Full PDB file with SEQRES, HELIX, SHEET, SSBOND, CRYST1, ORIGX, SCALE, CONECT and MASTER records, all heavy atoms in Angstrom:
SEQRES   1 A   31  ILE SER ASP TYR THR ALA ILE ASP PRO ARG PHE GLY THR          
SEQRES   2 A   31  MET GLU ASP CYS ASP LYS LEU ILE ARG GLU ILE HIS LYS          
SEQRES   3 A   31  ARG LYS MET LYS VAL                                          
HELIX    1 AA1 MET A   14  LYS A   26  1                                  13    
CRYST1    1.000    1.000    1.000  90.00  90.00  90.00 P 1           1          
ORIGX1      1.000000  0.000000  0.000000        0.00000                         
ORIGX2      0.000000  1.000000  0.000000        0.00000                         
ORIGX3      0.000000  0.000000  1.000000        0.00000                         
SCALE1      1.000000  0.000000  0.000000        0.00000                         
SCALE2      0.000000  1.000000  0.000000        0.00000                         
SCALE3      0.000000  0.000000  1.000000        0.00000                         
ATOM      1  N   ILE A   1       4.788  -7.229 -14.125  1.00  0.00           N  
ATOM      2  CA  ILE A   1       5.393  -6.262 -13.204  1.00  0.00           C  
ATOM      3  C   ILE A   1       6.719  -5.735 -13.765  1.00  0.00           C  
ATOM      4  O   ILE A   1       7.577  -6.515 -14.196  1.00  0.00           O  
ATOM      5  CB  ILE A   1       5.618  -6.915 -11.824  1.00  0.00           C  
ATOM      6  CG1 ILE A   1       4.278  -7.346 -11.219  1.00  0.00           C  
ATOM      7  CG2 ILE A   1       6.353  -5.964 -10.877  1.00  0.00           C  
ATOM      8  CD1 ILE A   1       4.402  -8.244 -10.002  1.00  0.00           C  
ATOM      9  N   SER A   2       6.869  -4.411 -13.733  1.00  0.00           N  
ATOM     10  CA  SER A   2       8.121  -3.797 -14.177  1.00  0.00           C  
ATOM     11  C   SER A   2       8.948  -3.271 -13.006  1.00  0.00           C  
ATOM     12  O   SER A   2      10.110  -2.925 -13.171  1.00  0.00           O  
ATOM     13  CB  SER A   2       7.848  -2.671 -15.178  1.00  0.00           C  
ATOM     14  OG  SER A   2       6.992  -1.698 -14.616  1.00  0.00           O  
ATOM     15  N   ASP A   3       8.352  -3.204 -11.807  1.00  0.00           N  
ATOM     16  CA  ASP A   3       9.092  -2.822 -10.601  1.00  0.00           C  
ATOM     17  C   ASP A   3       8.340  -3.356  -9.390  1.00  0.00           C  
ATOM     18  O   ASP A   3       7.247  -2.879  -9.065  1.00  0.00           O  
ATOM     19  CB  ASP A   3       9.248  -1.300 -10.504  1.00  0.00           C  
ATOM     20  CG  ASP A   3      10.209  -0.871  -9.392  1.00  0.00           C  
ATOM     21  OD1 ASP A   3      10.432  -1.662  -8.458  1.00  0.00           O  
ATOM     22  OD2 ASP A   3      10.714   0.264  -9.457  1.00  0.00           O  
ATOM     23  N   TYR A   4       8.935  -4.347  -8.714  1.00  0.00           N  
ATOM     24  CA  TYR A   4       8.278  -5.013  -7.591  1.00  0.00           C  
ATOM     25  C   TYR A   4       8.207  -4.152  -6.333  1.00  0.00           C  
ATOM     26  O   TYR A   4       7.446  -4.458  -5.421  1.00  0.00           O  
ATOM     27  CB  TYR A   4       9.022  -6.299  -7.239  1.00  0.00           C  
ATOM     28  CG  TYR A   4       8.848  -7.434  -8.207  1.00  0.00           C  
ATOM     29  CD1 TYR A   4       9.751  -7.621  -9.253  1.00  0.00           C  
ATOM     30  CD2 TYR A   4       7.798  -8.335  -8.074  1.00  0.00           C  
ATOM     31  CE1 TYR A   4       9.609  -8.683 -10.143  1.00  0.00           C  
ATOM     32  CE2 TYR A   4       7.642  -9.396  -8.950  1.00  0.00           C  
ATOM     33  CZ  TYR A   4       8.558  -9.564  -9.989  1.00  0.00           C  
ATOM     34  OH  TYR A   4       8.402 -10.614 -10.857  1.00  0.00           O  
ATOM     35  N   THR A   5       8.995  -3.102  -6.263  1.00  0.00           N  
ATOM     36  CA  THR A   5       9.049  -2.305  -5.030  1.00  0.00           C  
ATOM     37  C   THR A   5       8.609  -0.864  -5.267  1.00  0.00           C  
ATOM     38  O   THR A   5       9.022   0.052  -4.559  1.00  0.00           O  
ATOM     39  CB  THR A   5      10.461  -2.337  -4.420  1.00  0.00           C  
ATOM     40  OG1 THR A   5      11.409  -1.859  -5.370  1.00  0.00           O  
ATOM     41  CG2 THR A   5      10.826  -3.751  -3.993  1.00  0.00           C  
ATOM     42  N   ALA A   6       7.758  -0.667  -6.267  1.00  0.00           N  
ATOM     43  CA  ALA A   6       7.176   0.654  -6.522  1.00  0.00           C  
ATOM     44  C   ALA A   6       5.679   0.496  -6.760  1.00  0.00           C  
ATOM     45  O   ALA A   6       5.212  -0.557  -7.219  1.00  0.00           O  
ATOM     46  CB  ALA A   6       7.828   1.307  -7.748  1.00  0.00           C  
ATOM     47  N   ILE A   7       4.923   1.518  -6.429  1.00  0.00           N  
ATOM     48  CA  ILE A   7       3.472   1.508  -6.653  1.00  0.00           C  
ATOM     49  C   ILE A   7       3.182   2.119  -8.017  1.00  0.00           C  
ATOM     50  O   ILE A   7       3.729   3.175  -8.366  1.00  0.00           O  
ATOM     51  CB  ILE A   7       2.748   2.328  -5.556  1.00  0.00           C  
ATOM     52  CG1 ILE A   7       3.137   1.811  -4.168  1.00  0.00           C  
ATOM     53  CG2 ILE A   7       1.238   2.273  -5.754  1.00  0.00           C  
ATOM     54  CD1 ILE A   7       2.859   0.363  -3.916  1.00  0.00           C  
ATOM     55  N   ASP A   8       2.330   1.482  -8.781  1.00  0.00           N  
ATOM     56  CA  ASP A   8       1.970   2.050 -10.074  1.00  0.00           C  
ATOM     57  C   ASP A   8       1.203   3.352  -9.865  1.00  0.00           C  
ATOM     58  O   ASP A   8       0.283   3.398  -9.031  1.00  0.00           O  
ATOM     59  CB  ASP A   8       1.106   1.061 -10.870  1.00  0.00           C  
ATOM     60  CG  ASP A   8       1.000   1.460 -12.329  1.00  0.00           C  
ATOM     61  OD1 ASP A   8       0.221   2.395 -12.618  1.00  0.00           O  
ATOM     62  OD2 ASP A   8       1.704   0.869 -13.156  1.00  0.00           O  
ATOM     63  N   PRO A   9       1.562   4.421 -10.581  1.00  0.00           N  
ATOM     64  CA  PRO A   9       0.883   5.714 -10.393  1.00  0.00           C  
ATOM     65  C   PRO A   9      -0.627   5.660 -10.583  1.00  0.00           C  
ATOM     66  O   PRO A   9      -1.347   6.505 -10.042  1.00  0.00           O  
ATOM     67  CB  PRO A   9       1.544   6.609 -11.447  1.00  0.00           C  
ATOM     68  CG  PRO A   9       2.883   5.995 -11.688  1.00  0.00           C  
ATOM     69  CD  PRO A   9       2.678   4.515 -11.532  1.00  0.00           C  
ATOM     70  N   ARG A  10      -1.125   4.689 -11.338  1.00  0.00           N  
ATOM     71  CA  ARG A  10      -2.575   4.547 -11.482  1.00  0.00           C  
ATOM     72  C   ARG A  10      -3.256   4.396 -10.125  1.00  0.00           C  
ATOM     73  O   ARG A  10      -4.390   4.826  -9.927  1.00  0.00           O  
ATOM     74  CB  ARG A  10      -2.931   3.308 -12.306  1.00  0.00           C  
ATOM     75  CG  ARG A  10      -2.477   3.267 -13.742  1.00  0.00           C  
ATOM     76  CD  ARG A  10      -2.888   1.920 -14.328  1.00  0.00           C  
ATOM     77  NE  ARG A  10      -2.450   1.734 -15.693  1.00  0.00           N  
ATOM     78  CZ  ARG A  10      -1.299   1.158 -16.054  1.00  0.00           C  
ATOM     79  NH1 ARG A  10      -0.469   0.734 -15.109  1.00  0.00           N  
ATOM     80  NH2 ARG A  10      -0.969   1.015 -17.321  1.00  0.00           N  
ATOM     81  N   PHE A  11      -2.547   3.736  -9.201  1.00  0.00           N  
ATOM     82  CA  PHE A  11      -3.149   3.375  -7.920  1.00  0.00           C  
ATOM     83  C   PHE A  11      -2.747   4.291  -6.776  1.00  0.00           C  
ATOM     84  O   PHE A  11      -3.353   4.218  -5.700  1.00  0.00           O  
ATOM     85  CB  PHE A  11      -2.784   1.929  -7.577  1.00  0.00           C  
ATOM     86  CG  PHE A  11      -3.169   0.937  -8.637  1.00  0.00           C  
ATOM     87  CD1 PHE A  11      -2.204   0.158  -9.258  1.00  0.00           C  
ATOM     88  CD2 PHE A  11      -4.489   0.798  -9.034  1.00  0.00           C  
ATOM     89  CE1 PHE A  11      -2.554  -0.744 -10.253  1.00  0.00           C  
ATOM     90  CE2 PHE A  11      -4.851  -0.109 -10.023  1.00  0.00           C  
ATOM     91  CZ  PHE A  11      -3.881  -0.879 -10.645  1.00  0.00           C  
ATOM     92  N   GLY A  12      -1.727   5.117  -6.981  1.00  0.00           N  
ATOM     93  CA  GLY A  12      -1.328   6.021  -5.912  1.00  0.00           C  
ATOM     94  C   GLY A  12       0.172   6.024  -5.715  1.00  0.00           C  
ATOM     95  O   GLY A  12       0.949   5.814  -6.657  1.00  0.00           O  
ATOM     96  N   THR A  13       0.590   6.227  -4.489  1.00  0.00           N  
ATOM     97  CA  THR A  13       2.006   6.363  -4.146  1.00  0.00           C  
ATOM     98  C   THR A  13       2.387   5.360  -3.065  1.00  0.00           C  
ATOM     99  O   THR A  13       1.525   4.710  -2.463  1.00  0.00           O  
ATOM    100  CB  THR A  13       2.283   7.778  -3.609  1.00  0.00           C  
ATOM    101  OG1 THR A  13       1.563   7.942  -2.364  1.00  0.00           O  
ATOM    102  CG2 THR A  13       1.827   8.856  -4.596  1.00  0.00           C  
ATOM    103  N   MET A  14       3.688   5.276  -2.794  1.00  0.00           N  
ATOM    104  CA  MET A  14       4.132   4.400  -1.711  1.00  0.00           C  
ATOM    105  C   MET A  14       3.599   4.892  -0.372  1.00  0.00           C  
ATOM    106  O   MET A  14       3.305   4.086   0.525  1.00  0.00           O  
ATOM    107  CB  MET A  14       5.664   4.322  -1.680  1.00  0.00           C  
ATOM    108  CG  MET A  14       6.209   3.297  -0.697  1.00  0.00           C  
ATOM    109  SD  MET A  14       5.653   1.585  -1.013  1.00  0.00           S  
ATOM    110  CE  MET A  14       6.697   1.164  -2.427  1.00  0.00           C  
ATOM    111  N   GLU A  15       3.453   6.197  -0.240  1.00  0.00           N  
ATOM    112  CA  GLU A  15       2.858   6.745   0.994  1.00  0.00           C  
ATOM    113  C   GLU A  15       1.424   6.246   1.154  1.00  0.00           C  
ATOM    114  O   GLU A  15       0.987   5.914   2.269  1.00  0.00           O  
ATOM    115  CB  GLU A  15       2.888   8.275   0.968  1.00  0.00           C  
ATOM    116  CG  GLU A  15       4.268   8.893   1.127  1.00  0.00           C  
ATOM    117  CD  GLU A  15       5.157   8.729  -0.103  1.00  0.00           C  
ATOM    118  OE1 GLU A  15       4.599   8.560  -1.227  1.00  0.00           O  
ATOM    119  OE2 GLU A  15       6.393   8.749   0.047  1.00  0.00           O  
ATOM    120  N   ASP A  16       0.675   6.178   0.045  1.00  0.00           N  
ATOM    121  CA  ASP A  16      -0.686   5.627   0.097  1.00  0.00           C  
ATOM    122  C   ASP A  16      -0.661   4.171   0.532  1.00  0.00           C  
ATOM    123  O   ASP A  16      -1.503   3.725   1.323  1.00  0.00           O  
ATOM    124  CB  ASP A  16      -1.366   5.732  -1.273  1.00  0.00           C  
ATOM    125  CG  ASP A  16      -1.626   7.157  -1.711  1.00  0.00           C  
ATOM    126  OD1 ASP A  16      -1.921   8.004  -0.836  1.00  0.00           O  
ATOM    127  OD2 ASP A  16      -1.546   7.432  -2.925  1.00  0.00           O  
ATOM    128  N   CYS A  17       0.313   3.431   0.011  1.00  0.00           N  
ATOM    129  CA  CYS A  17       0.426   2.012   0.355  1.00  0.00           C  
ATOM    130  C   CYS A  17       0.753   1.839   1.835  1.00  0.00           C  
ATOM    131  O   CYS A  17       0.151   0.999   2.518  1.00  0.00           O  
ATOM    132  CB  CYS A  17       1.492   1.357  -0.508  1.00  0.00           C  
ATOM    133  SG  CYS A  17       1.708  -0.398  -0.168  1.00  0.00           S  
ATOM    134  N   ASP A  18       1.710   2.626   2.323  1.00  0.00           N  
ATOM    135  CA  ASP A  18       2.064   2.548   3.748  1.00  0.00           C  
ATOM    136  C   ASP A  18       0.848   2.851   4.623  1.00  0.00           C  
ATOM    137  O   ASP A  18       0.613   2.195   5.642  1.00  0.00           O  
ATOM    138  CB  ASP A  18       3.193   3.531   4.060  1.00  0.00           C  
ATOM    139  CG  ASP A  18       4.525   3.127   3.430  1.00  0.00           C  
ATOM    140  OD1 ASP A  18       4.683   1.936   3.111  1.00  0.00           O  
ATOM    141  OD2 ASP A  18       5.388   4.002   3.257  1.00  0.00           O  
ATOM    142  N   LYS A  19       0.080   3.849   4.210  1.00  0.00           N  
ATOM    143  CA  LYS A  19      -1.125   4.207   4.968  1.00  0.00           C  
ATOM    144  C   LYS A  19      -2.147   3.072   4.913  1.00  0.00           C  
ATOM    145  O   LYS A  19      -2.796   2.755   5.930  1.00  0.00           O  
ATOM    146  CB  LYS A  19      -1.738   5.495   4.421  1.00  0.00           C  
ATOM    147  CG  LYS A  19      -2.965   5.949   5.205  1.00  0.00           C  
ATOM    148  CD  LYS A  19      -3.533   7.260   4.658  1.00  0.00           C  
ATOM    149  CE  LYS A  19      -4.776   7.675   5.446  1.00  0.00           C  
ATOM    150  NZ  LYS A  19      -5.366   8.941   4.911  1.00  0.00           N  
ATOM    151  N   LEU A  20      -2.295   2.460   3.737  1.00  0.00           N  
ATOM    152  CA  LEU A  20      -3.228   1.339   3.587  1.00  0.00           C  
ATOM    153  C   LEU A  20      -2.873   0.211   4.555  1.00  0.00           C  
ATOM    154  O   LEU A  20      -3.747  -0.317   5.252  1.00  0.00           O  
ATOM    155  CB  LEU A  20      -3.190   0.827   2.152  1.00  0.00           C  
ATOM    156  CG  LEU A  20      -4.046  -0.399   1.830  1.00  0.00           C  
ATOM    157  CD1 LEU A  20      -5.533  -0.079   1.982  1.00  0.00           C  
ATOM    158  CD2 LEU A  20      -3.752  -0.906   0.418  1.00  0.00           C  
ATOM    159  N   ILE A  21      -1.601  -0.147   4.619  1.00  0.00           N  
ATOM    160  CA  ILE A  21      -1.171  -1.215   5.534  1.00  0.00           C  
ATOM    161  C   ILE A  21      -1.459  -0.835   6.985  1.00  0.00           C  
ATOM    162  O   ILE A  21      -1.985  -1.642   7.763  1.00  0.00           O  
ATOM    163  CB  ILE A  21       0.328  -1.524   5.319  1.00  0.00           C  
ATOM    164  CG1 ILE A  21       0.552  -2.107   3.920  1.00  0.00           C  
ATOM    165  CG2 ILE A  21       0.842  -2.486   6.391  1.00  0.00           C  
ATOM    166  CD1 ILE A  21       2.018  -2.231   3.527  1.00  0.00           C  
ATOM    167  N   ARG A  22      -1.134   0.409   7.343  1.00  0.00           N  
ATOM    168  CA  ARG A  22      -1.388   0.871   8.720  1.00  0.00           C  
ATOM    169  C   ARG A  22      -2.870   0.825   9.055  1.00  0.00           C  
ATOM    170  O   ARG A  22      -3.270   0.361  10.131  1.00  0.00           O  
ATOM    171  CB  ARG A  22      -0.882   2.309   8.904  1.00  0.00           C  
ATOM    172  CG  ARG A  22       0.602   2.468   9.023  1.00  0.00           C  
ATOM    173  CD  ARG A  22       0.964   3.848   9.598  1.00  0.00           C  
ATOM    174  NE  ARG A  22       0.303   4.960   8.920  1.00  0.00           N  
ATOM    175  CZ  ARG A  22       0.794   5.579   7.844  1.00  0.00           C  
ATOM    176  NH1 ARG A  22       1.949   5.185   7.328  1.00  0.00           N  
ATOM    177  NH2 ARG A  22       0.149   6.599   7.298  1.00  0.00           N  
ATOM    178  N   GLU A  23      -3.700   1.321   8.144  1.00  0.00           N  
ATOM    179  CA  GLU A  23      -5.139   1.399   8.402  1.00  0.00           C  
ATOM    180  C   GLU A  23      -5.773   0.021   8.502  1.00  0.00           C  
ATOM    181  O   GLU A  23      -6.700  -0.198   9.285  1.00  0.00           O  
ATOM    182  CB  GLU A  23      -5.826   2.237   7.318  1.00  0.00           C  
ATOM    183  CG  GLU A  23      -5.468   3.714   7.337  1.00  0.00           C  
ATOM    184  CD  GLU A  23      -5.947   4.410   8.602  1.00  0.00           C  
ATOM    185  OE1 GLU A  23      -7.041   4.071   9.095  1.00  0.00           O  
ATOM    186  OE2 GLU A  23      -5.227   5.298   9.100  1.00  0.00           O  
ATOM    187  N   ILE A  24      -5.286  -0.921   7.712  1.00  0.00           N  
ATOM    188  CA  ILE A  24      -5.796  -2.294   7.792  1.00  0.00           C  
ATOM    189  C   ILE A  24      -5.434  -2.906   9.137  1.00  0.00           C  
ATOM    190  O   ILE A  24      -6.272  -3.509   9.817  1.00  0.00           O  
ATOM    191  CB  ILE A  24      -5.253  -3.147   6.626  1.00  0.00           C  
ATOM    192  CG1 ILE A  24      -5.896  -2.691   5.310  1.00  0.00           C  
ATOM    193  CG2 ILE A  24      -5.517  -4.632   6.861  1.00  0.00           C  
ATOM    194  CD1 ILE A  24      -5.298  -3.333   4.081  1.00  0.00           C  
ATOM    195  N   HIS A  25      -4.199  -2.734   9.531  1.00  0.00           N  
ATOM    196  CA  HIS A  25      -3.759  -3.286  10.823  1.00  0.00           C  
ATOM    197  C   HIS A  25      -4.466  -2.604  11.997  1.00  0.00           C  
ATOM    198  O   HIS A  25      -4.764  -3.257  13.014  1.00  0.00           O  
ATOM    199  CB  HIS A  25      -2.250  -3.148  10.956  1.00  0.00           C  
ATOM    200  CG  HIS A  25      -1.481  -4.125  10.122  1.00  0.00           C  
ATOM    201  ND1 HIS A  25      -0.175  -3.929   9.723  1.00  0.00           N  
ATOM    202  CD2 HIS A  25      -1.849  -5.324   9.585  1.00  0.00           C  
ATOM    203  CE1 HIS A  25       0.220  -4.965   9.006  1.00  0.00           C  
ATOM    204  NE2 HIS A  25      -0.779  -5.820   8.900  1.00  0.00           N  
ATOM    205  N   LYS A  26      -4.742  -1.330  11.844  1.00  0.00           N  
ATOM    206  CA  LYS A  26      -5.454  -0.609  12.902  1.00  0.00           C  
ATOM    207  C   LYS A  26      -6.841  -1.203  13.127  1.00  0.00           C  
ATOM    208  O   LYS A  26      -7.368  -1.173  14.245  1.00  0.00           O  
ATOM    209  CB  LYS A  26      -5.571   0.874  12.523  1.00  0.00           C  
ATOM    210  CG  LYS A  26      -6.077   1.765  13.650  1.00  0.00           C  
ATOM    211  CD  LYS A  26      -5.810   3.236  13.335  1.00  0.00           C  
ATOM    212  CE  LYS A  26      -6.775   3.763  12.296  1.00  0.00           C  
ATOM    213  NZ  LYS A  26      -6.597   5.231  12.082  1.00  0.00           N  
ATOM    214  N   ARG A  27      -7.406  -1.781  12.081  1.00  0.00           N  
ATOM    215  CA  ARG A  27      -8.734  -2.402  12.168  1.00  0.00           C  
ATOM    216  C   ARG A  27      -8.643  -3.898  12.462  1.00  0.00           C  
ATOM    217  O   ARG A  27      -9.633  -4.622  12.301  1.00  0.00           O  
ATOM    218  CB  ARG A  27      -9.496  -2.144  10.870  1.00  0.00           C  
ATOM    219  CG  ARG A  27      -9.900  -0.680  10.685  1.00  0.00           C  
ATOM    220  CD  ARG A  27     -10.336  -0.385   9.254  1.00  0.00           C  
ATOM    221  NE  ARG A  27     -10.807   0.980   9.104  1.00  0.00           N  
ATOM    222  CZ  ARG A  27     -10.015   2.046   8.976  1.00  0.00           C  
ATOM    223  NH1 ARG A  27      -8.692   1.895   8.999  1.00  0.00           N  
ATOM    224  NH2 ARG A  27     -10.533   3.259   8.831  1.00  0.00           N  
ATOM    225  N   LYS A  28      -7.459  -4.358  12.871  1.00  0.00           N  
ATOM    226  CA  LYS A  28      -7.248  -5.754  13.278  1.00  0.00           C  
ATOM    227  C   LYS A  28      -7.447  -6.729  12.125  1.00  0.00           C  
ATOM    228  O   LYS A  28      -7.865  -7.878  12.318  1.00  0.00           O  
ATOM    229  CB  LYS A  28      -8.166  -6.152  14.445  1.00  0.00           C  
ATOM    230  CG  LYS A  28      -8.121  -5.206  15.643  1.00  0.00           C  
ATOM    231  CD  LYS A  28      -6.747  -5.135  16.266  1.00  0.00           C  
ATOM    232  CE  LYS A  28      -6.735  -4.218  17.489  1.00  0.00           C  
ATOM    233  NZ  LYS A  28      -5.360  -4.019  18.021  1.00  0.00           N  
ATOM    234  N   MET A  29      -7.154  -6.270  10.909  1.00  0.00           N  
ATOM    235  CA  MET A  29      -7.187  -7.150   9.747  1.00  0.00           C  
ATOM    236  C   MET A  29      -5.767  -7.373   9.246  1.00  0.00           C  
ATOM    237  O   MET A  29      -4.833  -6.691   9.655  1.00  0.00           O  
ATOM    238  CB  MET A  29      -8.067  -6.553   8.651  1.00  0.00           C  
ATOM    239  CG  MET A  29      -9.537  -6.425   9.025  1.00  0.00           C  
ATOM    240  SD  MET A  29     -10.603  -5.858   7.653  1.00  0.00           S  
ATOM    241  CE  MET A  29     -10.100  -4.133   7.506  1.00  0.00           C  
ATOM    242  N   LYS A  30      -5.599  -8.358   8.360  1.00  0.00           N  
ATOM    243  CA  LYS A  30      -4.291  -8.709   7.814  1.00  0.00           C  
ATOM    244  C   LYS A  30      -4.196  -8.312   6.340  1.00  0.00           C  
ATOM    245  O   LYS A  30      -5.209  -8.180   5.655  1.00  0.00           O  
ATOM    246  CB  LYS A  30      -4.052 -10.214   7.947  1.00  0.00           C  
ATOM    247  CG  LYS A  30      -4.204 -10.766   9.366  1.00  0.00           C  
ATOM    248  CD  LYS A  30      -3.043 -10.410  10.257  1.00  0.00           C  
ATOM    249  CE  LYS A  30      -3.134 -11.151  11.592  1.00  0.00           C  
ATOM    250  NZ  LYS A  30      -2.013 -10.819  12.496  1.00  0.00           N  
ATOM    251  N   VAL A  31      -2.941  -8.184   5.859  1.00  0.00           N  
ATOM    252  CA  VAL A  31      -2.663  -7.762   4.487  1.00  0.00           C  
ATOM    253  C   VAL A  31      -1.892  -8.856   3.749  1.00  0.00           C  
ATOM    254  O   VAL A  31      -0.826  -9.276   4.196  1.00  0.00           O  
ATOM    255  CB  VAL A  31      -1.802  -6.478   4.464  1.00  0.00           C  
ATOM    256  CG1 VAL A  31      -1.560  -6.019   3.027  1.00  0.00           C  
ATOM    257  CG2 VAL A  31      -2.416  -5.385   5.302  1.00  0.00           C  
TER     258      VAL A  31                                                      
MASTER        0    0    0    1    0    0    0    6  257    1    0    3          
END                                                                             
């Protein structure tokens, strides 16, 4: 890891990550 608080561009953006967390919680699952 070269930055613990950034998303690697290969995988998307921090906005994508925030959405992923929201969508998982919306489905009553944990992250």
